Amino acid sequence: MAKTNTTELLEALAAEIGENVYIDVAKWHLYLSNAKLHTVVAEQLYPLITSNTVNEDRVLQVLGAIPIKIGGGKREVPLIDLLPLQCQVTLVDILEKYQRDF
């Protein structure tokens, strides 16, 4: 995965996140790519990869700081509250893979 271009790396990371991580609402799975959130999540988490600081606590902290508007913008919920545990684990695994290959 020798990606030297930051833009290419971010696009690849966003694509992988978008295809593998989803929001769970009433047992409906909305993948982050369909929700148009995969790029935002990748951009927010990319600094962890470049600084070699990917770990579960840091990832969850970043996810907790990403507000998601629901109900037509009436409320905001942290992204972490919408991701099932398995998706959190999957996301950390993806980030650790990118960190190893960076």
PDB file of N, CA and C in Angstrom:
ATOM      1  N   MET A   1       0.831  -1.183   0.000  1.00  0.00           N
ATOM      2  CA  MET A   1       0.000   0.000   0.000  1.00  0.00           C
ATOM      3  C   MET A   1       0.876   1.247   0.000  1.00  0.00           C
ATOM      4  N   ALA A   2       1.962   1.250  -0.673  1.00  0.00           N
ATOM      5  CA  ALA A   2       2.903   2.352  -0.675  1.00  0.00           C
ATOM      6  C   ALA A   2       2.289   3.587  -1.333  1.00  0.00           C
ATOM      7  N   LYS A   3       1.470   4.278  -0.590  1.00  0.00           N
ATOM      8  CA  LYS A   3       0.839   5.502  -1.086  1.00  0.00           C
ATOM      9  C   LYS A   3       1.685   6.673  -0.611  1.00  0.00           C
ATOM     10  N   THR A   4       2.235   7.425  -1.527  1.00  0.00           N
ATOM     11  CA  THR A   4       3.066   8.552  -1.135  1.00  0.00           C
ATOM     12  C   THR A   4       2.257   9.840  -1.133  1.00  0.00           C
ATOM     13  N   ASN A   5       1.225   9.893  -1.907  1.00  0.00           N
ATOM     14  CA  ASN A   5       0.409  11.085  -2.021  1.00  0.00           C
ATOM     15  C   ASN A   5      -0.636  11.102  -0.905  1.00  0.00           C
ATOM     16  N   THR A   6      -0.640  12.161  -0.115  1.00  0.00           N
ATOM     17  CA  THR A   6      -1.583  12.276   1.001  1.00  0.00           C
ATOM     18  C   THR A   6      -3.027  12.190   0.529  1.00  0.00           C
ATOM     19  N   THR A   7      -3.324  12.822  -0.595  1.00  0.00           N
ATOM     20  CA  THR A   7      -4.687  12.789  -1.122  1.00  0.00           C
ATOM     21  C   THR A   7      -5.102  11.375  -1.473  1.00  0.00           C
ATOM     22  N   GLU A   8      -4.211  10.630  -2.111  1.00  0.00           N
ATOM     23  CA  GLU A   8      -4.510   9.235  -2.455  1.00  0.00           C
ATOM     24  C   GLU A   8      -4.724   8.396  -1.202  1.00  0.00           C
ATOM     25  N   LEU A   9      -3.887   8.600  -0.212  1.00  0.00           N
ATOM     26  CA  LEU A   9      -4.005   7.857   1.037  1.00  0.00           C
ATOM     27  C   LEU A   9      -5.332   8.171   1.728  1.00  0.00           C
ATOM     28  N   LEU A  10      -5.682   9.447   1.795  1.00  0.00           N
ATOM     29  CA  LEU A  10      -6.945   9.836   2.419  1.00  0.00           C
ATOM     30  C   LEU A  10      -8.142   9.259   1.664  1.00  0.00           C
ATOM     31  N   GLU A  11      -8.089   9.286   0.341  1.00  0.00           N
ATOM     32  CA  GLU A  11      -9.183   8.739  -0.462  1.00  0.00           C
ATOM     33  C   GLU A  11      -9.317   7.237  -0.244  1.00  0.00           C
ATOM     34  N   ALA A  12      -8.200   6.533  -0.199  1.00  0.00           N
ATOM     35  CA  ALA A  12      -8.228   5.082   0.026  1.00  0.00           C
ATOM     36  C   ALA A  12      -8.752   4.771   1.425  1.00  0.00           C
ATOM     37  N   LEU A  13      -8.290   5.537   2.410  1.00  0.00           N
ATOM     38  CA  LEU A  13      -8.752   5.349   3.789  1.00  0.00           C
ATOM     39  C   LEU A  13     -10.250   5.623   3.890  1.00  0.00           C
ATOM     40  N   ALA A  14     -10.692   6.724   3.297  1.00  0.00           N
ATOM     41  CA  ALA A  14     -12.122   7.069   3.328  1.00  0.00           C
ATOM     42  C   ALA A  14     -12.957   5.986   2.664  1.00  0.00           C
ATOM     43  N   ALA A  15     -12.477   5.466   1.530  1.00  0.00           N
ATOM     44  CA  ALA A  15     -13.225   4.418   0.825  1.00  0.00           C
ATOM     45  C   ALA A  15     -13.346   3.168   1.680  1.00  0.00           C
ATOM     46  N   GLU A  16     -12.249   2.771   2.319  1.00  0.00           N
ATOM     47  CA  GLU A  16     -12.295   1.556   3.147  1.00  0.00           C
ATOM     48  C   GLU A  16     -13.195   1.755   4.363  1.00  0.00           C
ATOM     49  N   ILE A  17     -13.123   2.920   4.972  1.00  0.00           N
ATOM     50  CA  ILE A  17     -14.009   3.221   6.103  1.00  0.00           C
ATOM     51  C   ILE A  17     -15.466   3.201   5.635  1.00  0.00           C
ATOM     52  N   GLY A  18     -15.722   3.841   4.518  1.00  0.00           N
ATOM     53  CA  GLY A  18     -17.086   3.941   4.002  1.00  0.00           C
ATOM     54  C   GLY A  18     -17.715   2.610   3.665  1.00  0.00           C
ATOM     55  N   GLU A  19     -16.892   1.653   3.240  1.00  0.00           N
ATOM     56  CA  GLU A  19     -17.400   0.334   2.859  1.00  0.00           C
ATOM     57  C   GLU A  19     -17.562  -0.620   4.035  1.00  0.00           C
ATOM     58  N   ASN A  20     -16.891  -0.335   5.164  1.00  0.00           N
ATOM     59  CA  ASN A  20     -16.850  -1.301   6.257  1.00  0.00           C
ATOM     60  C   ASN A  20     -17.452  -0.834   7.571  1.00  0.00           C
ATOM     61  N   VAL A  21     -17.710   0.446   7.701  1.00  0.00           N
ATOM     62  CA  VAL A  21     -18.210   0.988   8.965  1.00  0.00           C
ATOM     63  C   VAL A  21     -19.590   1.590   8.712  1.00  0.00           C
ATOM     64  N   TYR A  22     -20.517   1.286   9.604  1.00  0.00           N
ATOM     65  CA  TYR A  22     -21.880   1.777   9.429  1.00  0.00           C
ATOM     66  C   TYR A  22     -22.473   2.303  10.722  1.00  0.00           C
ATOM     67  N   ILE A  23     -23.486   3.136  10.543  1.00  0.00           N
ATOM     68  CA  ILE A  23     -24.316   3.627  11.639  1.00  0.00           C
ATOM     69  C   ILE A  23     -25.468   2.641  11.779  1.00  0.00           C
ATOM     70  N   ASP A  24     -25.814   2.307  12.996  1.00  0.00           N
ATOM     71  CA  ASP A  24     -26.924   1.392  13.242  1.00  0.00           C
ATOM     72  C   ASP A  24     -28.069   2.182  13.875  1.00  0.00           C
ATOM     73  N   VAL A  25     -29.173   2.281  13.153  1.00  0.00           N
ATOM     74  CA  VAL A  25     -30.370   2.951  13.666  1.00  0.00           C
ATOM     75  C   VAL A  25     -31.533   1.987  13.503  1.00  0.00           C
ATOM     76  N   ALA A  26     -32.093   1.554  14.627  1.00  0.00           N
ATOM     77  CA  ALA A  26     -33.225   0.620  14.627  1.00  0.00           C
ATOM     78  C   ALA A  26     -32.938  -0.609  13.754  1.00  0.00           C
ATOM     79  N   LYS A  27     -31.726  -1.119  13.891  1.00  0.00           N
ATOM     80  CA  LYS A  27     -31.250  -2.305  13.169  1.00  0.00           C
ATOM     81  C   LYS A  27     -31.089  -2.075  11.666  1.00  0.00           C
ATOM     82  N   TRP A  28     -31.140  -0.830  11.240  1.00  0.00           N
ATOM     83  CA  TRP A  28     -30.834  -0.476   9.852  1.00  0.00           C
ATOM     84  C   TRP A  28     -29.364  -0.080   9.816  1.00  0.00           C
ATOM     85  N   HIS A  29     -28.656  -0.572   8.824  1.00  0.00           N
ATOM     86  CA  HIS A  29     -27.235  -0.265   8.693  1.00  0.00           C
ATOM     87  C   HIS A  29     -27.044   0.757   7.578  1.00  0.00           C
ATOM     88  N   LEU A  30     -26.579   1.914   7.935  1.00  0.00           N
ATOM     89  CA  LEU A  30     -26.276   2.968   6.981  1.00  0.00           C
ATOM     90  C   LEU A  30     -24.761   3.129   6.946  1.00  0.00           C
ATOM     91  N   TYR A  31     -24.170   2.631   5.866  1.00  0.00           N
ATOM     92  CA  TYR A  31     -22.711   2.700   5.742  1.00  0.00           C
ATOM     93  C   TYR A  31     -22.276   4.152   5.627  1.00  0.00           C
ATOM     94  N   LEU A  32     -21.109   4.453   6.194  1.00  0.00           N
ATOM     95  CA  LEU A  32     -20.646   5.833   6.226  1.00  0.00           C
ATOM     96  C   LEU A  32     -20.485   6.427   4.833  1.00  0.00           C
ATOM     97  N   SER A  33     -20.194   5.602   3.830  1.00  0.00           N
ATOM     98  CA  SER A  33     -20.103   6.132   2.467  1.00  0.00           C
ATOM     99  C   SER A  33     -21.471   6.614   1.990  1.00  0.00           C
ATOM    100  N   ASN A  34     -22.517   5.881   2.309  1.00  0.00           N
ATOM    101  CA  ASN A  34     -23.874   6.281   1.919  1.00  0.00           C
ATOM    102  C   ASN A  34     -24.349   7.506   2.699  1.00  0.00           C
ATOM    103  N   ALA A  35     -23.871   7.625   3.924  1.00  0.00           N
ATOM    104  CA  ALA A  35     -24.232   8.767   4.759  1.00  0.00           C
ATOM    105  C   ALA A  35     -23.353   9.985   4.459  1.00  0.00           C
ATOM    106  N   LYS A  36     -22.415   9.823   3.533  1.00  0.00           N
ATOM    107  CA  LYS A  36     -21.479  10.899   3.158  1.00  0.00           C
ATOM    108  C   LYS A  36     -20.637  11.356   4.345  1.00  0.00           C
ATOM    109  N   LEU A  37     -20.291  10.409   5.210  1.00  0.00           N
ATOM    110  CA  LEU A  37     -19.479  10.719   6.389  1.00  0.00           C
ATOM    111  C   LEU A  37     -18.079  10.124   6.326  1.00  0.00           C
ATOM    112  N   HIS A  38     -17.828   9.252   5.363  1.00  0.00           N
ATOM    113  CA  HIS A  38     -16.551   8.544   5.312  1.00  0.00           C
ATOM    114  C   HIS A  38     -15.353   9.475   5.143  1.00  0.00           C
ATOM    115  N   THR A  39     -15.498  10.521   4.356  1.00  0.00           N
ATOM    116  CA  THR A  39     -14.385  11.450   4.142  1.00  0.00           C
ATOM    117  C   THR A  39     -14.110  12.265   5.399  1.00  0.00           C
ATOM    118  N   VAL A  40     -15.159  12.740   6.051  1.00  0.00           N
ATOM    119  CA  VAL A  40     -15.001  13.504   7.287  1.00  0.00           C
ATOM    120  C   VAL A  40     -14.301  12.657   8.340  1.00  0.00           C
ATOM    121  N   VAL A  41     -14.733  11.415   8.481  1.00  0.00           N
ATOM    122  CA  VAL A  41     -14.135  10.522   9.474  1.00  0.00           C
ATOM    123  C   VAL A  41     -12.663  10.268   9.131  1.00  0.00           C
ATOM    124  N   ALA A  42     -12.365  10.008   7.881  1.00  0.00           N
ATOM    125  CA  ALA A  42     -10.984   9.770   7.466  1.00  0.00           C
ATOM    126  C   ALA A  42     -10.118  10.996   7.739  1.00  0.00           C
ATOM    127  N   GLU A  43     -10.613  12.173   7.410  1.00  0.00           N
ATOM    128  CA  GLU A  43      -9.849  13.401   7.638  1.00  0.00           C
ATOM    129  C   GLU A  43      -9.593  13.644   9.123  1.00  0.00           C
ATOM    130  N   GLN A  44     -10.566  13.322   9.959  1.00  0.00           N
ATOM    131  CA  GLN A  44     -10.409  13.522  11.398  1.00  0.00           C
ATOM    132  C   GLN A  44      -9.436  12.515  12.019  1.00  0.00           C
ATOM    133  N   LEU A  45      -9.408  11.305  11.462  1.00  0.00           N
ATOM    134  CA  LEU A  45      -8.566  10.246  12.032  1.00  0.00           C
ATOM    135  C   LEU A  45      -7.177  10.172  11.394  1.00  0.00           C
ATOM    136  N   TYR A  46      -6.998  10.755  10.244  1.00  0.00           N
ATOM    137  CA  TYR A  46      -5.716  10.716   9.533  1.00  0.00           C
ATOM    138  C   TYR A  46      -4.533  11.194  10.391  1.00  0.00           C
ATOM    139  N   PRO A  47      -4.683  12.262  11.188  1.00  0.00           N
ATOM    140  CA  PRO A  47      -3.553  12.688  12.025  1.00  0.00           C
ATOM    141  C   PRO A  47      -3.070  11.618  13.010  1.00  0.00           C
ATOM    142  N   LEU A  48      -3.946  10.732  13.440  1.00  0.00           N
ATOM    143  CA  LEU A  48      -3.527   9.644  14.327  1.00  0.00           C
ATOM    144  C   LEU A  48      -2.574   8.696  13.599  1.00  0.00           C
ATOM    145  N   ILE A  49      -2.852   8.484  12.313  1.00  0.00           N
ATOM    146  CA  ILE A  49      -2.005   7.603  11.510  1.00  0.00           C
ATOM    147  C   ILE A  49      -0.633   8.243  11.309  1.00  0.00           C
ATOM    148  N   THR A  50      -0.626   9.515  10.916  1.00  0.00           N
ATOM    149  CA  THR A  50       0.642  10.180  10.608  1.00  0.00           C
ATOM    150  C   THR A  50       1.497  10.399  11.848  1.00  0.00           C
ATOM    151  N   SER A  51       0.862  10.514  13.012  1.00  0.00           N
ATOM    152  CA  SER A  51       1.625  10.696  14.249  1.00  0.00           C
ATOM    153  C   SER A  51       1.883   9.374  14.969  1.00  0.00           C
ATOM    154  N   ASN A  52       1.459   8.266  14.333  1.00  0.00           N
ATOM    155  CA  ASN A  52       1.677   6.925  14.884  1.00  0.00           C
ATOM    156  C   ASN A  52       1.058   6.771  16.282  1.00  0.00           C
ATOM    157  N   THR A  53      -0.153   7.330  16.446  1.00  0.00           N
ATOM    158  CA  THR A  53      -0.820   7.282  17.757  1.00  0.00           C
ATOM    159  C   THR A  53      -2.192   6.618  17.695  1.00  0.00           C
ATOM    160  N   VAL A  54      -2.388   5.719  16.739  1.00  0.00           N
ATOM    161  CA  VAL A  54      -3.677   5.015  16.643  1.00  0.00           C
ATOM    162  C   VAL A  54      -3.803   4.054  17.812  1.00  0.00           C
ATOM    163  N   ASN A  55      -4.834   4.245  18.606  1.00  0.00           N
ATOM    164  CA  ASN A  55      -5.221   3.273  19.624  1.00  0.00           C
ATOM    165  C   ASN A  55      -6.710   3.465  19.871  1.00  0.00           C
ATOM    166  N   GLU A  56      -7.314   2.502  20.480  1.00  0.00           N
ATOM    167  CA  GLU A  56      -8.773   2.516  20.635  1.00  0.00           C
ATOM    168  C   GLU A  56      -9.267   3.768  21.348  1.00  0.00           C
ATOM    169  N   ASP A  57      -8.610   4.149  22.424  1.00  0.00           N
ATOM    170  CA  ASP A  57      -9.064   5.311  23.184  1.00  0.00           C
ATOM    171  C   ASP A  57      -9.024   6.590  22.359  1.00  0.00           C
ATOM    172  N   ARG A  58      -7.956   6.789  21.604  1.00  0.00           N
ATOM    173  CA  ARG A  58      -7.827   7.993  20.779  1.00  0.00           C
ATOM    174  C   ARG A  58      -8.893   8.003  19.682  1.00  0.00           C
ATOM    175  N   VAL A  59      -9.117   6.847  19.059  1.00  0.00           N
ATOM    176  CA  VAL A  59     -10.115   6.756  17.986  1.00  0.00           C
ATOM    177  C   VAL A  59     -11.498   7.072  18.541  1.00  0.00           C
ATOM    178  N   LEU A  60     -11.832   6.491  19.678  1.00  0.00           N
ATOM    179  CA  LEU A  60     -13.146   6.738  20.281  1.00  0.00           C
ATOM    180  C   LEU A  60     -13.303   8.196  20.682  1.00  0.00           C
ATOM    181  N   GLN A  61     -12.232   8.818  21.118  1.00  0.00           N
ATOM    182  CA  GLN A  61     -12.265  10.236  21.477  1.00  0.00           C
ATOM    183  C   GLN A  61     -12.585  11.091  20.246  1.00  0.00           C
ATOM    184  N   VAL A  62     -11.940  10.788  19.125  1.00  0.00           N
ATOM    185  CA  VAL A  62     -12.202  11.529  17.891  1.00  0.00           C
ATOM    186  C   VAL A  62     -13.643  11.310  17.438  1.00  0.00           C
ATOM    187  N   LEU A  63     -14.109  10.063  17.477  1.00  0.00           N
ATOM    188  CA  LEU A  63     -15.486   9.767  17.067  1.00  0.00           C
ATOM    189  C   LEU A  63     -16.500  10.487  17.954  1.00  0.00           C
ATOM    190  N   GLY A  64     -16.171  10.636  19.217  1.00  0.00           N
ATOM    191  CA  GLY A  64     -17.055  11.347  20.144  1.00  0.00           C
ATOM    192  C   GLY A  64     -17.144  12.833  19.855  1.00  0.00           C
ATOM    193  N   ALA A  65     -16.162  13.346  19.116  1.00  0.00           N
ATOM    194  CA  ALA A  65     -16.122  14.774  18.808  1.00  0.00           C
ATOM    195  C   ALA A  65     -16.714  15.109  17.434  1.00  0.00           C
ATOM    196  N   ILE A  66     -17.200  14.090  16.719  1.00  0.00           N
ATOM    197  CA  ILE A  66     -17.811  14.329  15.410  1.00  0.00           C
ATOM    198  C   ILE A  66     -19.327  14.373  15.593  1.00  0.00           C
ATOM    199  N   PRO A  67     -19.927  15.570  15.492  1.00  0.00           N
ATOM    200  CA  PRO A  67     -21.374  15.692  15.692  1.00  0.00           C
ATOM    201  C   PRO A  67     -22.151  15.277  14.442  1.00  0.00           C
ATOM    202  N   ILE A  68     -23.211  14.520  14.643  1.00  0.00           N
ATOM    203  CA  ILE A  68     -24.081  14.087  13.562  1.00  0.00           C
ATOM    204  C   ILE A  68     -25.462  14.679  13.811  1.00  0.00           C
ATOM    205  N   LYS A  69     -25.949  15.457  12.846  1.00  0.00           N
ATOM    206  CA  LYS A  69     -27.276  16.062  12.987  1.00  0.00           C
ATOM    207  C   LYS A  69     -28.341  15.022  12.651  1.00  0.00           C
ATOM    208  N   ILE A  70     -29.355  14.954  13.487  1.00  0.00           N
ATOM    209  CA  ILE A  70     -30.474  14.043  13.254  1.00  0.00           C
ATOM    210  C   ILE A  70     -31.775  14.822  13.371  1.00  0.00           C
ATOM    211  N   GLY A  71     -32.817  14.229  12.843  1.00  0.00           N
ATOM    212  CA  GLY A  71     -34.132  14.873  12.924  1.00  0.00           C
ATOM    213  C   GLY A  71     -34.180  16.200  12.203  1.00  0.00           C
ATOM    214  N   GLY A  72     -33.554  16.259  11.040  1.00  0.00           N
ATOM    215  CA  GLY A  72     -33.566  17.505  10.279  1.00  0.00           C
ATOM    216  C   GLY A  72     -32.759  18.604  10.939  1.00  0.00           C
ATOM    217  N   GLY A  73     -31.794  18.212  11.764  1.00  0.00           N
ATOM    218  CA  GLY A  73     -30.942  19.191  12.428  1.00  0.00           C
ATOM    219  C   GLY A  73     -31.433  19.626  13.789  1.00  0.00           C
ATOM    220  N   LYS A  74     -32.528  19.002  14.265  1.00  0.00           N
ATOM    221  CA  LYS A  74     -33.072  19.371  15.573  1.00  0.00           C
ATOM    222  C   LYS A  74     -32.126  19.001  16.709  1.00  0.00           C
ATOM    223  N   ARG A  75     -31.386  17.909  16.512  1.00  0.00           N
ATOM    224  CA  ARG A  75     -30.467  17.429  17.550  1.00  0.00           C
ATOM    225  C   ARG A  75     -29.157  17.034  16.919  1.00  0.00           C
ATOM    226  N   GLU A  76     -28.144  16.978  17.739  1.00  0.00           N
ATOM    227  CA  GLU A  76     -26.844  16.458  17.328  1.00  0.00           C
ATOM    228  C   GLU A  76     -26.463  15.330  18.267  1.00  0.00           C
ATOM    229  N   VAL A  77     -25.916  14.277  17.687  1.00  0.00           N
ATOM    230  CA  VAL A  77     -25.486  13.111  18.439  1.00  0.00           C
ATOM    231  C   VAL A  77     -24.039  12.827  18.048  1.00  0.00           C
ATOM    232  N   PRO A  78     -23.171  12.521  19.008  1.00  0.00           N
ATOM    233  CA  PRO A  78     -21.802  12.161  18.639  1.00  0.00           C
ATOM    234  C   PRO A  78     -21.810  10.883  17.795  1.00  0.00           C
ATOM    235  N   LEU A  79     -20.966  10.836  16.792  1.00  0.00           N
ATOM    236  CA  LEU A  79     -20.900   9.668  15.916  1.00  0.00           C
ATOM    237  C   LEU A  79     -20.671   8.390  16.702  1.00  0.00           C
ATOM    238  N   ILE A  80     -19.888   8.445  17.739  1.00  0.00           N
ATOM    239  CA  ILE A  80     -19.588   7.248  18.537  1.00  0.00           C
ATOM    240  C   ILE A  80     -20.866   6.592  19.052  1.00  0.00           C
ATOM    241  N   ASP A  81     -21.898   7.395  19.324  1.00  0.00           N
ATOM    242  CA  ASP A  81     -23.153   6.850  19.852  1.00  0.00           C
ATOM    243  C   ASP A  81     -23.960   6.103  18.799  1.00  0.00           C
ATOM    244  N   LEU A  82     -23.629   6.261  17.539  1.00  0.00           N
ATOM    245  CA  LEU A  82     -24.374   5.624  16.455  1.00  0.00           C
ATOM    246  C   LEU A  82     -23.667   4.404  15.876  1.00  0.00           C
ATOM    247  N   LEU A  83     -22.411   4.187  16.268  1.00  0.00           N
ATOM    248  CA  LEU A  83     -21.642   3.059  15.736  1.00  0.00           C
ATOM    249  C   LEU A  83     -21.708   1.874  16.683  1.00  0.00           C
ATOM    250  N   PRO A  84     -22.111   0.706  16.192  1.00  0.00           N
ATOM    251  CA  PRO A  84     -22.081  -0.483  17.044  1.00  0.00           C
ATOM    252  C   PRO A  84     -20.639  -0.845  17.390  1.00  0.00           C
ATOM    253  N   LEU A  85     -20.471  -1.584  18.456  1.00  0.00           N
ATOM    254  CA  LEU A  85     -19.144  -1.963  18.934  1.00  0.00           C
ATOM    255  C   LEU A  85     -18.312  -2.637  17.848  1.00  0.00           C
ATOM    256  N   GLN A  86     -18.921  -3.522  17.071  1.00  0.00           N
ATOM    257  CA  GLN A  86     -18.167  -4.223  16.026  1.00  0.00           C
ATOM    258  C   GLN A  86     -17.607  -3.247  14.995  1.00  0.00           C
ATOM    259  N   CYS A  87     -18.346  -2.208  14.677  1.00  0.00           N
ATOM    260  CA  CYS A  87     -17.854  -1.213  13.725  1.00  0.00           C
ATOM    261  C   CYS A  87     -16.714  -0.392  14.320  1.00  0.00           C
ATOM    262  N   GLN A  88     -16.766  -0.147  15.608  1.00  0.00           N
ATOM    263  CA  GLN A  88     -15.663   0.549  16.270  1.00  0.00           C
ATOM    264  C   GLN A  88     -14.390  -0.288  16.183  1.00  0.00           C
ATOM    265  N   VAL A  89     -14.519  -1.591  16.433  1.00  0.00           N
ATOM    266  CA  VAL A  89     -13.377  -2.502  16.344  1.00  0.00           C
ATOM    267  C   VAL A  89     -12.852  -2.546  14.917  1.00  0.00           C
ATOM    268  N   THR A  90     -13.754  -2.653  13.957  1.00  0.00           N
ATOM    269  CA  THR A  90     -13.361  -2.679  12.550  1.00  0.00           C
ATOM    270  C   THR A  90     -12.615  -1.405  12.174  1.00  0.00           C
ATOM    271  N   LEU A  91     -13.099  -0.274  12.622  1.00  0.00           N
ATOM    272  CA  LEU A  91     -12.461   1.000  12.319  1.00  0.00           C
ATOM    273  C   LEU A  91     -11.051   1.061  12.896  1.00  0.00           C
ATOM    274  N   VAL A  92     -10.892   0.652  14.131  1.00  0.00           N
ATOM    275  CA  VAL A  92      -9.555   0.638  14.742  1.00  0.00           C
ATOM    276  C   VAL A  92      -8.637  -0.289  13.964  1.00  0.00           C
ATOM    277  N   ASP A  93      -9.127  -1.451  13.555  1.00  0.00           N
ATOM    278  CA  ASP A  93      -8.325  -2.384  12.761  1.00  0.00           C
ATOM    279  C   ASP A  93      -7.874  -1.755  11.444  1.00  0.00           C
ATOM    280  N   ILE A  94      -8.780  -1.068  10.770  1.00  0.00           N
ATOM    281  CA  ILE A  94      -8.446  -0.394   9.507  1.00  0.00           C
ATOM    282  C   ILE A  94      -7.349   0.644   9.743  1.00  0.00           C
ATOM    283  N   LEU A  95      -7.514   1.442  10.778  1.00  0.00           N
ATOM    284  CA  LEU A  95      -6.539   2.489  11.065  1.00  0.00           C
ATOM    285  C   LEU A  95      -5.178   1.908  11.443  1.00  0.00           C
ATOM    286  N   GLU A  96      -5.180   0.825  12.214  1.00  0.00           N
ATOM    287  CA  GLU A  96      -3.914   0.182  12.577  1.00  0.00           C
ATOM    288  C   GLU A  96      -3.209  -0.364  11.343  1.00  0.00           C
ATOM    289  N   LYS A  97      -3.965  -0.904  10.387  1.00  0.00           N
ATOM    290  CA  LYS A  97      -3.384  -1.402   9.150  1.00  0.00           C
ATOM    291  C   LYS A  97      -2.727  -0.258   8.378  1.00  0.00           C
ATOM    292  N   TYR A  98      -3.427   0.856   8.255  1.00  0.00           N
ATOM    293  CA  TYR A  98      -2.864   2.020   7.552  1.00  0.00           C
ATOM    294  C   TYR A  98      -1.641   2.553   8.275  1.00  0.00           C
ATOM    295  N   GLN A  99      -1.681   2.552   9.602  1.00  0.00           N
ATOM    296  CA  GLN A  99      -0.528   3.036  10.379  1.00  0.00           C
ATOM    297  C   GLN A  99       0.688   2.150  10.136  1.00  0.00           C
ATOM    298  N   ARG A 100       0.488   0.838  10.111  1.00  0.00           N
ATOM    299  CA  ARG A 100       1.620  -0.088   9.849  1.00  0.00           C
ATOM    300  C   ARG A 100       2.214   0.148   8.470  1.00  0.00           C
ATOM    301  N   ASP A 101       1.341   0.437   7.500  1.00  0.00           N
ATOM    302  CA  ASP A 101       1.780   0.581   6.114  1.00  0.00           C
ATOM    303  C   ASP A 101       2.229   1.995   5.769  1.00  0.00           C
ATOM    304  N   PHE A 102       2.048   2.934   6.691  1.00  0.00           N
ATOM    305  CA  PHE A 102       2.357   4.335   6.399  1.00  0.00           C
ATOM    306  C   PHE A 102       3.849   4.545   6.322  1.00  0.00           C
TER     307      PHE A 102
END
